[in-house]
PDB file of N, CA and C in Angstrom:
ATOM      1  N   ILE A   1      11.101 -21.711 -15.239  1.00  0.00           N
ATOM      2  CA  ILE A   1      11.425 -21.447 -13.848  1.00  0.00           C
ATOM      3  C   ILE A   1      12.819 -20.861 -13.814  1.00  0.00           C
ATOM      4  N   GLU A   2      12.949 -19.792 -13.059  1.00  0.00           N
ATOM      5  CA  GLU A   2      14.263 -19.180 -12.938  1.00  0.00           C
ATOM      6  C   GLU A   2      15.107 -20.031 -11.993  1.00  0.00           C
ATOM      7  N   ILE A   3      16.372 -20.125 -12.263  1.00  0.00           N
ATOM      8  CA  ILE A   3      17.269 -21.006 -11.511  1.00  0.00           C
ATOM      9  C   ILE A   3      17.301 -20.652 -10.029  1.00  0.00           C
ATOM     10  N   HIS A   4      17.255 -19.373  -9.693  1.00  0.00           N
ATOM     11  CA  HIS A   4      17.326 -19.006  -8.284  1.00  0.00           C
ATOM     12  C   HIS A   4      16.109 -19.500  -7.490  1.00  0.00           C
ATOM     13  N   ASN A   5      15.046 -19.900  -8.182  1.00  0.00           N
ATOM     14  CA  ASN A   5      13.852 -20.416  -7.517  1.00  0.00           C
ATOM     15  C   ASN A   5      13.942 -21.920  -7.225  1.00  0.00           C
ATOM     16  N   ILE A   6      14.982 -22.561  -7.686  1.00  0.00           N
ATOM     17  CA  ILE A   6      15.153 -23.999  -7.469  1.00  0.00           C
ATOM     18  C   ILE A   6      15.999 -24.199  -6.212  1.00  0.00           C
ATOM     19  N   GLN A   7      15.438 -24.922  -5.271  1.00  0.00           N
ATOM     20  CA  GLN A   7      16.133 -25.167  -4.008  1.00  0.00           C
ATOM     21  C   GLN A   7      17.413 -25.954  -4.267  1.00  0.00           C
ATOM     22  N   GLY A   8      18.492 -25.499  -3.662  1.00  0.00           N
ATOM     23  CA  GLY A   8      19.760 -26.187  -3.810  1.00  0.00           C
ATOM     24  C   GLY A   8      20.560 -25.750  -5.021  1.00  0.00           C
ATOM     25  N   SER A   9      20.071 -24.791  -5.799  1.00  0.00           N
ATOM     26  CA  SER A   9      20.811 -24.357  -6.986  1.00  0.00           C
ATOM     27  C   SER A   9      22.023 -23.519  -6.616  1.00  0.00           C
ATOM     28  N   GLY A  10      21.975 -22.906  -5.460  1.00  0.00           N
ATOM     29  CA  GLY A  10      23.086 -22.078  -5.030  1.00  0.00           C
ATOM     30  C   GLY A  10      23.127 -20.728  -5.710  1.00  0.00           C
ATOM     31  N   VAL A  11      22.127 -20.409  -6.508  1.00  0.00           N
ATOM     32  CA  VAL A  11      22.084 -19.127  -7.201  1.00  0.00           C
ATOM     33  C   VAL A  11      21.230 -18.170  -6.379  1.00  0.00           C
ATOM     34  N   ALA A  12      21.779 -16.993  -6.088  1.00  0.00           N
ATOM     35  CA  ALA A  12      21.046 -16.001  -5.310  1.00  0.00           C
ATOM     36  C   ALA A  12      20.029 -15.294  -6.201  1.00  0.00           C
ATOM     37  N   PRO A  13      18.901 -14.944  -5.619  1.00  0.00           N
ATOM     38  CA  PRO A  13      17.905 -14.209  -6.416  1.00  0.00           C
ATOM     39  C   PRO A  13      18.449 -12.823  -6.759  1.00  0.00           C
ATOM     40  N   PRO A  14      17.996 -12.264  -7.887  1.00  0.00           N
ATOM     41  CA  PRO A  14      18.464 -10.930  -8.261  1.00  0.00           C
ATOM     42  C   PRO A  14      17.966  -9.903  -7.250  1.00  0.00           C
ATOM     43  N   ALA A  15      18.715  -8.820  -7.101  1.00  0.00           N
ATOM     44  CA  ALA A  15      18.318  -7.760  -6.177  1.00  0.00           C
ATOM     45  C   ALA A  15      17.041  -7.113  -6.698  1.00  0.00           C
ATOM     46  N   ALA A  16      16.116  -6.885  -5.771  1.00  0.00           N
ATOM     47  CA  ALA A  16      14.847  -6.265  -6.152  1.00  0.00           C
ATOM     48  C   ALA A  16      15.070  -4.779  -6.392  1.00  0.00           C
ATOM     49  N   PRO A  17      14.561  -4.276  -7.494  1.00  0.00           N
ATOM     50  CA  PRO A  17      14.713  -2.847  -7.762  1.00  0.00           C
ATOM     51  C   PRO A  17      13.863  -2.045  -6.777  1.00  0.00           C
ATOM     52  N   VAL A  18      14.354  -0.889  -6.410  1.00  0.00           N
ATOM     53  CA  VAL A  18      13.601  -0.016  -5.519  1.00  0.00           C
ATOM     54  C   VAL A  18      12.617   0.748  -6.388  1.00  0.00           C
ATOM     55  N   ALA A  19      11.352   0.537  -6.116  1.00  0.00           N
ATOM     56  CA  ALA A  19      10.322   1.179  -6.921  1.00  0.00           C
ATOM     57  C   ALA A  19       9.757   2.376  -6.187  1.00  0.00           C
ATOM     58  N   THR A  20       9.606   3.437  -6.910  1.00  0.00           N
ATOM     59  CA  THR A  20       8.929   4.595  -6.350  1.00  0.00           C
ATOM     60  C   THR A  20       7.668   4.787  -7.164  1.00  0.00           C
ATOM     61  N   THR A  21       6.574   4.834  -6.493  1.00  0.00           N
ATOM     62  CA  THR A  21       5.296   4.967  -7.161  1.00  0.00           C
ATOM     63  C   THR A  21       4.665   6.279  -6.740  1.00  0.00           C
ATOM     64  N   SER A  22       4.160   6.969  -7.691  1.00  0.00           N
ATOM     65  CA  SER A  22       3.504   8.241  -7.430  1.00  0.00           C
ATOM     66  C   SER A  22       2.117   8.177  -8.044  1.00  0.00           C
ATOM     67  N   TYR A  23       1.148   8.562  -7.282  1.00  0.00           N
ATOM     68  CA  TYR A  23      -0.224   8.543  -7.765  1.00  0.00           C
ATOM     69  C   TYR A  23      -0.775   9.961  -7.747  1.00  0.00           C
ATOM     70  N   ALA A  24      -1.482  10.320  -8.784  1.00  0.00           N
ATOM     71  CA  ALA A  24      -2.141  11.612  -8.834  1.00  0.00           C
ATOM     72  C   ALA A  24      -3.592  11.369  -9.211  1.00  0.00           C
ATOM     73  N   ALA A  25      -4.476  11.978  -8.502  1.00  0.00           N
ATOM     74  CA  ALA A  25      -5.902  11.830  -8.793  1.00  0.00           C
ATOM     75  C   ALA A  25      -6.210  12.553 -10.094  1.00  0.00           C
ATOM     76  N   PRO A  26      -7.000  11.929 -10.988  1.00  0.00           N
ATOM     77  CA  PRO A  26      -7.359  12.607 -12.226  1.00  0.00           C
ATOM     78  C   PRO A  26      -8.269  13.796 -11.918  1.00  0.00           C
ATOM     79  N   ALA A  27      -8.197  14.789 -12.743  1.00  0.00           N
ATOM     80  CA  ALA A  27      -9.028  15.967 -12.540  1.00  0.00           C
ATOM     81  C   ALA A  27     -10.470  15.633 -12.854  1.00  0.00           C
ATOM     82  N   ALA A  28     -11.372  16.146 -12.054  1.00  0.00           N
ATOM     83  CA  ALA A  28     -12.805  15.947 -12.295  1.00  0.00           C
ATOM     84  C   ALA A  28     -13.214  16.805 -13.484  1.00  0.00           C
ATOM     85  N   ALA A  29     -14.274  16.401 -14.158  1.00  0.00           N
ATOM     86  CA  ALA A  29     -14.754  17.163 -15.294  1.00  0.00           C
ATOM     87  C   ALA A  29     -15.303  18.490 -14.773  1.00  0.00           C
ATOM     88  N   VAL A  30     -14.684  19.562 -15.192  1.00  0.00           N
ATOM     89  CA  VAL A  30     -15.097  20.874 -14.716  1.00  0.00           C
ATOM     90  C   VAL A  30     -15.235  21.826 -15.880  1.00  0.00           C
ATOM     91  N   VAL A  31     -16.052  22.831 -15.670  1.00  0.00           N
ATOM     92  CA  VAL A  31     -16.177  23.914 -16.623  1.00  0.00           C
ATOM     93  C   VAL A  31     -15.984  25.205 -15.856  1.00  0.00           C
ATOM     94  N   PRO A  32     -15.427  26.216 -16.485  1.00  0.00           N
ATOM     95  CA  PRO A  32     -15.231  27.468 -15.767  1.00  0.00           C
ATOM     96  C   PRO A  32     -16.560  28.047 -15.316  1.00  0.00           C
ATOM     97  N   ALA A  33     -16.609  28.539 -14.105  1.00  0.00           N
ATOM     98  CA  ALA A  33     -17.810  29.162 -13.564  1.00  0.00           C
ATOM     99  C   ALA A  33     -17.897  30.588 -14.084  1.00  0.00           C
ATOM    100  N   ALA A  34     -19.063  31.174 -13.949  1.00  0.00           N
ATOM    101  CA  ALA A  34     -19.276  32.523 -14.429  1.00  0.00           C
ATOM    102  C   ALA A  34     -18.386  33.526 -13.706  1.00  0.00           C
ATOM    103  N   SER A  35     -18.015  33.259 -12.444  1.00  0.00           N
ATOM    104  CA  SER A  35     -17.203  34.195 -11.672  1.00  0.00           C
ATOM    105  C   SER A  35     -15.774  34.274 -12.191  1.00  0.00           C
ATOM    106  N   GLY A  36     -15.316  33.265 -12.916  1.00  0.00           N
ATOM    107  CA  GLY A  36     -14.001  33.298 -13.510  1.00  0.00           C
ATOM    108  C   GLY A  36     -12.925  32.595 -12.705  1.00  0.00           C
ATOM    109  N   ASP A  37     -12.879  32.746 -11.371  1.00  0.00           N
ATOM    110  CA  ASP A  37     -11.830  32.145 -10.557  1.00  0.00           C
ATOM    111  C   ASP A  37     -12.168  30.734 -10.114  1.00  0.00           C
ATOM    112  N   ASP A  38     -13.402  30.484  -9.775  1.00  0.00           N
ATOM    113  CA  ASP A  38     -13.811  29.178  -9.261  1.00  0.00           C
ATOM    114  C   ASP A  38     -14.143  28.253 -10.416  1.00  0.00           C
ATOM    115  N   GLU A  39     -14.017  26.948 -10.143  1.00  0.00           N
ATOM    116  CA  GLU A  39     -14.439  25.962 -11.134  1.00  0.00           C
ATOM    117  C   GLU A  39     -15.631  25.212 -10.583  1.00  0.00           C
ATOM    118  N   GLU A  40     -16.519  24.851 -11.453  1.00  0.00           N
ATOM    119  CA  GLU A  40     -17.739  24.183 -11.037  1.00  0.00           C
ATOM    120  C   GLU A  40     -17.860  22.883 -11.816  1.00  0.00           C
ATOM    121  N   LEU A  41     -18.431  21.861 -11.187  1.00  0.00           N
ATOM    122  CA  LEU A  41     -18.593  20.561 -11.844  1.00  0.00           C
ATOM    123  C   LEU A  41     -19.540  20.679 -13.024  1.00  0.00           C
ATOM    124  N   LEU A  42     -19.296  19.865 -14.031  1.00  0.00           N
ATOM    125  CA  LEU A  42     -20.150  19.838 -15.208  1.00  0.00           C
ATOM    126  C   LEU A  42     -21.563  19.410 -14.830  1.00  0.00           C
ATOM    127  N   PHE A  43     -21.670  18.448 -13.907  1.00  0.00           N
ATOM    128  CA  PHE A  43     -22.958  17.996 -13.392  1.00  0.00           C
ATOM    129  C   PHE A  43     -22.902  18.066 -11.875  1.00  0.00           C
ATOM    130  N   GLN A  44     -23.958  18.531 -11.256  1.00  0.00           N
ATOM    131  CA  GLN A  44     -23.995  18.689  -9.803  1.00  0.00           C
ATOM    132  C   GLN A  44     -24.615  17.458  -9.140  1.00  0.00           C
ATOM    133  N   PRO A  45     -24.105  17.061  -7.962  1.00  0.00           N
ATOM    134  CA  PRO A  45     -24.732  15.956  -7.228  1.00  0.00           C
ATOM    135  C   PRO A  45     -26.221  16.249  -7.020  1.00  0.00           C
ATOM    136  N   GLY A  46     -27.037  15.225  -7.271  1.00  0.00           N
ATOM    137  CA  GLY A  46     -28.483  15.369  -7.152  1.00  0.00           C
ATOM    138  C   GLY A  46     -29.156  15.732  -8.461  1.00  0.00           C
ATOM    139  N   GLU A  47     -28.379  16.133  -9.459  1.00  0.00           N
ATOM    140  CA  GLU A  47     -28.940  16.511 -10.757  1.00  0.00           C
ATOM    141  C   GLU A  47     -29.436  15.273 -11.490  1.00  0.00           C
ATOM    142  N   ARG A  48     -30.605  15.389 -12.112  1.00  0.00           N
ATOM    143  CA  ARG A  48     -31.191  14.288 -12.875  1.00  0.00           C
ATOM    144  C   ARG A  48     -30.633  14.337 -14.296  1.00  0.00           C
ATOM    145  N   VAL A  49     -30.140  13.210 -14.817  1.00  0.00           N
ATOM    146  CA  VAL A  49     -29.547  13.169 -16.150  1.00  0.00           C
ATOM    147  C   VAL A  49     -30.104  12.003 -16.953  1.00  0.00           C
ATOM    148  N   THR A  50     -29.960  12.115 -18.279  1.00  0.00           N
ATOM    149  CA  THR A  50     -30.341  11.052 -19.210  1.00  0.00           C
ATOM    150  C   THR A  50     -29.076  10.610 -19.932  1.00  0.00           C
ATOM    151  N   LEU A  51     -28.918   9.301 -20.098  1.00  0.00           N
ATOM    152  CA  LEU A  51     -27.719   8.764 -20.749  1.00  0.00           C
ATOM    153  C   LEU A  51     -27.935   8.626 -22.248  1.00  0.00           C
ATOM    154  N   THR A  52     -26.851   8.859 -23.000  1.00  0.00           N
ATOM    155  CA  THR A  52     -26.881   8.662 -24.447  1.00  0.00           C
ATOM    156  C   THR A  52     -26.106   7.409 -24.827  1.00  0.00           C
ATOM    157  N   GLY A  53     -25.432   6.793 -23.892  1.00  0.00           N
ATOM    158  CA  GLY A  53     -24.649   5.584 -24.131  1.00  0.00           C
ATOM    159  C   GLY A  53     -24.146   5.089 -22.802  1.00  0.00           C
ATOM    160  N   PRO A  54     -23.529   3.970 -22.730  1.00  0.00           N
ATOM    161  CA  PRO A  54     -23.343   2.977 -23.797  1.00  0.00           C
ATOM    162  C   PRO A  54     -24.693   2.447 -24.294  1.00  0.00           C
ATOM    163  N   PRO A  55     -24.704   1.764 -25.424  1.00  0.00           N
ATOM    164  CA  PRO A  55     -25.963   1.364 -26.060  1.00  0.00           C
ATOM    165  C   PRO A  55     -26.978   0.698 -25.125  1.00  0.00           C
ATOM    166  N   ALA A  56     -26.534  -0.139 -24.216  1.00  0.00           N
ATOM    167  CA  ALA A  56     -27.477  -0.833 -23.330  1.00  0.00           C
ATOM    168  C   ALA A  56     -28.120   0.113 -22.327  1.00  0.00           C
ATOM    169  N   MET A  57     -27.531   1.285 -22.116  1.00  0.00           N
ATOM    170  CA  MET A  57     -28.052   2.229 -21.129  1.00  0.00           C
ATOM    171  C   MET A  57     -28.624   3.492 -21.755  1.00  0.00           C
ATOM    172  N   ALA A  58     -28.546   3.620 -23.064  1.00  0.00           N
ATOM    173  CA  ALA A  58     -29.038   4.815 -23.742  1.00  0.00           C
ATOM    174  C   ALA A  58     -30.511   5.032 -23.416  1.00  0.00           C
ATOM    175  N   GLY A  59     -30.833   6.265 -23.032  1.00  0.00           N
ATOM    176  CA  GLY A  59     -32.218   6.623 -22.709  1.00  0.00           C
ATOM    177  C   GLY A  59     -32.568   6.460 -21.241  1.00  0.00           C
ATOM    178  N   LYS A  60     -31.746   5.756 -20.471  1.00  0.00           N
ATOM    179  CA  LYS A  60     -32.033   5.574 -19.053  1.00  0.00           C
ATOM    180  C   LYS A  60     -31.725   6.862 -18.304  1.00  0.00           C
ATOM    181  N   GLN A  61     -32.453   7.066 -17.198  1.00  0.00           N
ATOM    182  CA  GLN A  61     -32.263   8.251 -16.388  1.00  0.00           C
ATOM    183  C   GLN A  61     -31.752   7.869 -15.023  1.00  0.00           C
ATOM    184  N   GLY A  62     -31.006   8.787 -14.431  1.00  0.00           N
ATOM    185  CA  GLY A  62     -30.479   8.572 -13.100  1.00  0.00           C
ATOM    186  C   GLY A  62     -30.145   9.894 -12.447  1.00  0.00           C
ATOM    187  N   THR A  63     -29.613   9.813 -11.240  1.00  0.00           N
ATOM    188  CA  THR A  63     -29.258  10.986 -10.463  1.00  0.00           C
ATOM    189  C   THR A  63     -27.748  10.995 -10.250  1.00  0.00           C
ATOM    190  N   VAL A  64     -27.126  12.156 -10.446  1.00  0.00           N
ATOM    191  CA  VAL A  64     -25.679  12.291 -10.269  1.00  0.00           C
ATOM    192  C   VAL A  64     -25.342  12.155  -8.790  1.00  0.00           C
ATOM    193  N   VAL A  65     -24.408  11.245  -8.485  1.00  0.00           N
ATOM    194  CA  VAL A  65     -23.900  11.082  -7.125  1.00  0.00           C
ATOM    195  C   VAL A  65     -22.722  12.027  -6.932  1.00  0.00           C
ATOM    196  N   GLY A  66     -21.848  12.107  -7.933  1.00  0.00           N
ATOM    197  CA  GLY A  66     -20.689  12.986  -7.869  1.00  0.00           C
ATOM    198  C   GLY A  66     -19.679  12.591  -8.915  1.00  0.00           C
ATOM    199  N   PRO A  67     -18.553  13.303  -8.978  1.00  0.00           N
ATOM    200  CA  PRO A  67     -17.520  12.975  -9.969  1.00  0.00           C
ATOM    201  C   PRO A  67     -16.856  11.640  -9.640  1.00  0.00           C
ATOM    202  N   ALA A  68     -16.434  10.947 -10.672  1.00  0.00           N
ATOM    203  CA  ALA A  68     -15.718   9.677 -10.535  1.00  0.00           C
ATOM    204  C   ALA A  68     -14.381   9.823 -11.252  1.00  0.00           C
ATOM    205  N   LEU A  69     -13.627   8.774 -11.322  1.00  0.00           N
ATOM    206  CA  LEU A  69     -12.319   8.806 -11.976  1.00  0.00           C
ATOM    207  C   LEU A  69     -12.437   8.872 -13.490  1.00  0.00           C
ATOM    208  N   ASP A  70     -11.370   9.350 -14.118  1.00  0.00           N
ATOM    209  CA  ASP A  70     -11.230   9.331 -15.580  1.00  0.00           C
ATOM    210  C   ASP A  70     -12.386   9.998 -16.326  1.00  0.00           C
ATOM    211  N   ASP A  71     -12.672  11.243 -16.021  1.00  0.00           N
ATOM    212  CA  ASP A  71     -13.718  12.001 -16.721  1.00  0.00           C
ATOM    213  C   ASP A  71     -15.057  11.265 -16.738  1.00  0.00           C
ATOM    214  N   ALA A  72     -15.487  10.833 -15.590  1.00  0.00           N
ATOM    215  CA  ALA A  72     -16.757  10.135 -15.459  1.00  0.00           C
ATOM    216  C   ALA A  72     -17.496  10.668 -14.237  1.00  0.00           C
ATOM    217  N   PHE A  73     -18.767  10.375 -14.180  1.00  0.00           N
ATOM    218  CA  PHE A  73     -19.584  10.714 -13.023  1.00  0.00           C
ATOM    219  C   PHE A  73     -20.280   9.457 -12.528  1.00  0.00           C
ATOM    220  N   SER A  74     -20.458   9.360 -11.218  1.00  0.00           N
ATOM    221  CA  SER A  74     -21.222   8.254 -10.634  1.00  0.00           C
ATOM    222  C   SER A  74     -22.688   8.612 -10.767  1.00  0.00           C
ATOM    223  N   ILE A  75     -23.444   7.711 -11.366  1.00  0.00           N
ATOM    224  CA  ILE A  75     -24.875   7.921 -11.589  1.00  0.00           C
ATOM    225  C   ILE A  75     -25.641   6.824 -10.855  1.00  0.00           C
ATOM    226  N   ARG A  76     -26.620   7.221 -10.023  1.00  0.00           N
ATOM    227  CA  ARG A  76     -27.475   6.258  -9.328  1.00  0.00           C
ATOM    228  C   ARG A  76     -28.783   6.152 -10.103  1.00  0.00           C
ATOM    229  N   PHE A  77     -29.105   4.930 -10.518  1.00  0.00           N
ATOM    230  CA  PHE A  77     -30.343   4.689 -11.253  1.00  0.00           C
ATOM    231  C   PHE A  77     -31.489   4.464 -10.279  1.00  0.00           C
ATOM    232  N   ASP A  78     -32.703   4.510 -10.790  1.00  0.00           N
ATOM    233  CA  ASP A  78     -33.877   4.339  -9.935  1.00  0.00           C
ATOM    234  C   ASP A  78     -33.886   2.986  -9.235  1.00  0.00           C
ATOM    235  N   SER A  79     -33.202   1.998  -9.802  1.00  0.00           N
ATOM    236  CA  SER A  79     -33.120   0.665  -9.189  1.00  0.00           C
ATOM    237  C   SER A  79     -32.207   0.667  -7.970  1.00  0.00           C
ATOM    238  N   GLY A  80     -31.408   1.747  -7.813  1.00  0.00           N
ATOM    239  CA  GLY A  80     -30.451   1.824  -6.716  1.00  0.00           C
ATOM    240  C   GLY A  80     -29.032   1.497  -7.149  1.00  0.00           C
ATOM    241  N   SER A  81     -28.862   0.954  -8.337  1.00  0.00           N
ATOM    242  CA  SER A  81     -27.529   0.632  -8.850  1.00  0.00           C
ATOM    243  C   SER A  81     -26.775   1.912  -9.163  1.00  0.00           C
ATOM    244  N   VAL A  82     -25.469   1.903  -8.910  1.00  0.00           N
ATOM    245  CA  VAL A  82     -24.622   3.060  -9.207  1.00  0.00           C
ATOM    246  C   VAL A  82     -23.562   2.633 -10.210  1.00  0.00           C
ATOM    247  N   PHE A  83     -23.437   3.401 -11.286  1.00  0.00           N
ATOM    248  CA  PHE A  83     -22.445   3.130 -12.318  1.00  0.00           C
ATOM    249  C   PHE A  83     -21.632   4.394 -12.567  1.00  0.00           C
ATOM    250  N   ASN A  84     -20.357   4.222 -12.890  1.00  0.00           N
ATOM    251  CA  ASN A  84     -19.521   5.340 -13.312  1.00  0.00           C
ATOM    252  C   ASN A  84     -19.674   5.467 -14.820  1.00  0.00           C
ATOM    253  N   ILE A  85     -20.233   6.585 -15.253  1.00  0.00           N
ATOM    254  CA  ILE A  85     -20.534   6.807 -16.664  1.00  0.00           C
ATOM    255  C   ILE A  85     -19.628   7.915 -17.194  1.00  0.00           C
ATOM    256  N   GLU A  86     -18.940   7.637 -18.310  1.00  0.00           N
ATOM    257  CA  GLU A  86     -18.083   8.648 -18.923  1.00  0.00           C
ATOM    258  C   GLU A  86     -18.933   9.837 -19.374  1.00  0.00           C
ATOM    259  N   ILE A  87     -18.373  11.040 -19.250  1.00  0.00           N
ATOM    260  CA  ILE A  87     -19.176  12.238 -19.483  1.00  0.00           C
ATOM    261  C   ILE A  87     -19.716  12.333 -20.904  1.00  0.00           C
ATOM    262  N   HIS A  88     -19.016  11.775 -21.894  1.00  0.00           N
ATOM    263  CA  HIS A  88     -19.548  11.863 -23.256  1.00  0.00           C
ATOM    264  C   HIS A  88     -20.822  11.022 -23.424  1.00  0.00           C
ATOM    265  N   ASN A  89     -21.127  10.162 -22.452  1.00  0.00           N
ATOM    266  CA  ASN A  89     -22.346   9.351 -22.501  1.00  0.00           C
ATOM    267  C   ASN A  89     -23.491   9.974 -21.706  1.00  0.00           C
ATOM    268  N   ILE A  90     -23.318  11.210 -21.245  1.00  0.00           N
ATOM    269  CA  ILE A  90     -24.360  11.894 -20.483  1.00  0.00           C
ATOM    270  C   ILE A  90     -24.886  13.041 -21.333  1.00  0.00           C
ATOM    271  N   GLN A  91     -26.207  13.051 -21.540  1.00  0.00           N
ATOM    272  CA  GLN A  91     -26.835  14.074 -22.369  1.00  0.00           C
ATOM    273  C   GLN A  91     -26.577  15.456 -21.777  1.00  0.00           C
ATOM    274  N   GLY A  92     -26.209  16.400 -22.633  1.00  0.00           N
ATOM    275  CA  GLY A  92     -25.982  17.766 -22.202  1.00  0.00           C
ATOM    276  C   GLY A  92     -24.553  18.052 -21.791  1.00  0.00           C
ATOM    277  N   SER A  93     -23.658  17.065 -21.898  1.00  0.00           N
ATOM    278  CA  SER A  93     -22.272  17.292 -21.496  1.00  0.00           C
ATOM    279  C   SER A  93     -21.527  18.140 -22.515  1.00  0.00           C
ATOM    280  N   GLY A  94     -21.933  18.064 -23.778  1.00  0.00           N
ATOM    281  CA  GLY A  94     -21.244  18.798 -24.817  1.00  0.00           C
ATOM    282  C   GLY A  94     -19.883  18.215 -25.146  1.00  0.00           C
ATOM    283  N   VAL A  95     -19.605  17.003 -24.669  1.00  0.00           N
ATOM    284  CA  VAL A  95     -18.317  16.361 -24.898  1.00  0.00           C
ATOM    285  C   VAL A  95     -18.497  15.261 -25.938  1.00  0.00           C
ATOM    286  N   ALA A  96     -17.661  15.310 -26.970  1.00  0.00           N
ATOM    287  CA  ALA A  96     -17.736  14.300 -28.026  1.00  0.00           C
ATOM    288  C   ALA A  96     -17.080  13.007 -27.559  1.00  0.00           C
ATOM    289  N   PRO A  97     -17.587  11.874 -27.997  1.00  0.00           N
ATOM    290  CA  PRO A  97     -16.943  10.607 -27.634  1.00  0.00           C
ATOM    291  C   PRO A  97     -15.550  10.536 -28.238  1.00  0.00           C
ATOM    292  N   PRO A  98     -14.647   9.789 -27.575  1.00  0.00           N
ATOM    293  CA  PRO A  98     -13.295   9.667 -28.124  1.00  0.00           C
ATOM    294  C   PRO A  98     -13.323   8.964 -29.476  1.00  0.00           C
ATOM    295  N   ALA A  99     -12.357   9.302 -30.305  1.00  0.00           N
ATOM    296  CA  ALA A  99     -12.271   8.679 -31.630  1.00  0.00           C
ATOM    297  C   ALA A  99     -12.030   7.190 -31.453  1.00  0.00           C
ATOM    298  N   ALA A 100     -12.742   6.399 -32.224  1.00  0.00           N
ATOM    299  CA  ALA A 100     -12.581   4.949 -32.147  1.00  0.00           C
ATOM    300  C   ALA A 100     -11.238   4.566 -32.735  1.00  0.00           C
ATOM    301  N   ALA A 101     -10.621   3.596 -32.126  1.00  0.00           N
ATOM    302  CA  ALA A 101      -9.340   3.102 -32.642  1.00  0.00           C
ATOM    303  C   ALA A 101      -9.585   2.471 -34.002  1.00  0.00           C
ATOM    304  N   ALA A 102      -8.730   2.767 -34.915  1.00  0.00           N
ATOM    305  CA  ALA A 102      -8.891   2.232 -36.259  1.00  0.00           C
ATOM    306  C   ALA A 102      -8.618   0.737 -36.251  1.00  0.00           C
ATOM    307  N   ALA A 103      -9.632  -0.012 -36.607  1.00  0.00           N
ATOM    308  CA  ALA A 103      -9.497  -1.461 -36.659  1.00  0.00           C
ATOM    309  C   ALA A 103      -8.945  -1.841 -38.028  1.00  0.00           C
ATOM    310  N   PRO A 104      -8.127  -2.847 -38.064  1.00  0.00           N
ATOM    311  CA  PRO A 104      -7.615  -3.256 -39.374  1.00  0.00           C
ATOM    312  C   PRO A 104      -8.765  -3.730 -40.251  1.00  0.00           C
ATOM    313  N   ALA A 105      -8.716  -3.348 -41.492  1.00  0.00           N
ATOM    314  CA  ALA A 105      -9.776  -3.737 -42.414  1.00  0.00           C
ATOM    315  C   ALA A 105      -9.695  -5.235 -42.674  1.00  0.00           C
ATOM    316  N   ALA A 106     -10.807  -5.889 -42.442  1.00  0.00           N
ATOM    317  CA  ALA A 106     -10.860  -7.334 -42.677  1.00  0.00           C
ATOM    318  C   ALA A 106     -11.594  -7.567 -43.995  1.00  0.00           C
ATOM    319  N   THR A 107     -10.980  -8.273 -44.851  1.00  0.00           N
ATOM    320  CA  THR A 107     -11.633  -8.610 -46.110  1.00  0.00           C
ATOM    321  C   THR A 107     -11.714 -10.114 -46.220  1.00  0.00           C
ATOM    322  N   THR A 108     -12.864 -10.544 -46.594  1.00  0.00           N
ATOM    323  CA  THR A 108     -13.077 -11.970 -46.765  1.00  0.00           C
ATOM    324  C   THR A 108     -13.573 -12.191 -48.180  1.00  0.00           C
ATOM    325  N   SER A 109     -12.984 -13.141 -48.865  1.00  0.00           N
ATOM    326  CA  SER A 109     -13.464 -13.444 -50.204  1.00  0.00           C
ATOM    327  C   SER A 109     -13.697 -14.941 -50.283  1.00  0.00           C
ATOM    328  N   TYR A 110     -14.694 -15.265 -51.017  1.00  0.00           N
ATOM    329  CA  TYR A 110     -15.047 -16.670 -51.201  1.00  0.00           C
ATOM    330  C   TYR A 110     -15.009 -16.995 -52.680  1.00  0.00           C
ATOM    331  N   ALA A 111     -14.532 -18.159 -53.001  1.00  0.00           N
ATOM    332  CA  ALA A 111     -14.492 -18.597 -54.394  1.00  0.00           C
ATOM    333  C   ALA A 111     -15.212 -19.939 -54.482  1.00  0.00           C
ATOM    334  N   ALA A 112     -15.938 -20.104 -55.517  1.00  0.00           N
ATOM    335  CA  ALA A 112     -16.643 -21.365 -55.732  1.00  0.00           C
ATOM    336  C   ALA A 112     -15.602 -22.451 -56.032  1.00  0.00           C
ATOM    337  N   PRO A 113     -15.853 -23.660 -55.553  1.00  0.00           N
ATOM    338  CA  PRO A 113     -14.895 -24.729 -55.830  1.00  0.00           C
ATOM    339  C   PRO A 113     -14.831 -25.008 -57.350  1.00  0.00           C
ATOM    340  N   ALA A 114     -13.676 -25.427 -57.783  1.00  0.00           N
ATOM    341  CA  ALA A 114     -13.481 -25.720 -59.194  1.00  0.00           C
ATOM    342  C   ALA A 114     -14.344 -26.920 -59.572  1.00  0.00           C
ATOM    343  N   ALA A 115     -14.955 -26.831 -60.717  1.00  0.00           N
ATOM    344  CA  ALA A 115     -15.843 -27.895 -61.155  1.00  0.00           C
ATOM    345  C   ALA A 115     -15.119 -29.034 -61.809  1.00  0.00           C
TER     346      ALA A 115
END
């Protein structure tokens, strides 16, 4: 517990820093259109797609609702559920999945007890 939080300590709380927060919307997944100047979404709302991942959803089909945050699209499944699916998990995106973080190599060795 910081001392300034104790009643009767006589210590003033530190001055709160002035925070400035700036938010920018991530860019939607786009590919250049044939016209050259305009950009068009990789998948169009209403388009039927098949998922290649994540593993529990691979092979499932749904309808594109629209772009979502962080290079993803909102997909509505036939059940009515809507999930934001990263574009590399949508068949036909042409986008490779991100490289997996290198996990430290775990080695386990077992030795028989001494006789």
